[in-house]
Amino acid sequence: MRKSRLSQPVQNKLIELFVAGATARTAAELAGVNKNTAAYYFHRLRLLIFNRCEHLEMFDGEVEADESYFGGCCKGKRGRGAAGKVVVFGLLKRNGKVYTVTVANTQSATLLPIIREKVRPDSVVYT
């Protein structure tokens, strides 16, 4: 990893422990670094993996699309106008992967570009 103050052998040990599924705390003890350093390094590794893999894969076959509202403390308000809620749009490949993203609203002008970007044209989309 570039711009790291850790020596190459320590970086290799942390990567080895990350791949093995060790926790950051255990990896810190085994590599001889602070637990916060190991946790930060693991976080950077997860970001690298996310940035490399997330945008490459498209959904095909049967795909389900749905939106949900999360958060907020207003239990009295119901429906699409629920104030203080975060709108999360999700795509689910049946028996497979899930893709979620927060969106500003649930209008088709907002959701269709996401569907076109992540779903192959010959797929069946269930809403």
Foldseek 3Di string as FASTA:
>chain_A
DPPDPDDPVLLVQLVVCVVVPHQLVVSCVVSVHDSVVSVVSSVVVVVVVCVVPVQPAAAAAEKEKDKDWDDDDPPPDDDQPDPPTWIKIKMDRVVDDIDIDTDPHDDCVTVVVVNPRRHDPVYHYHD
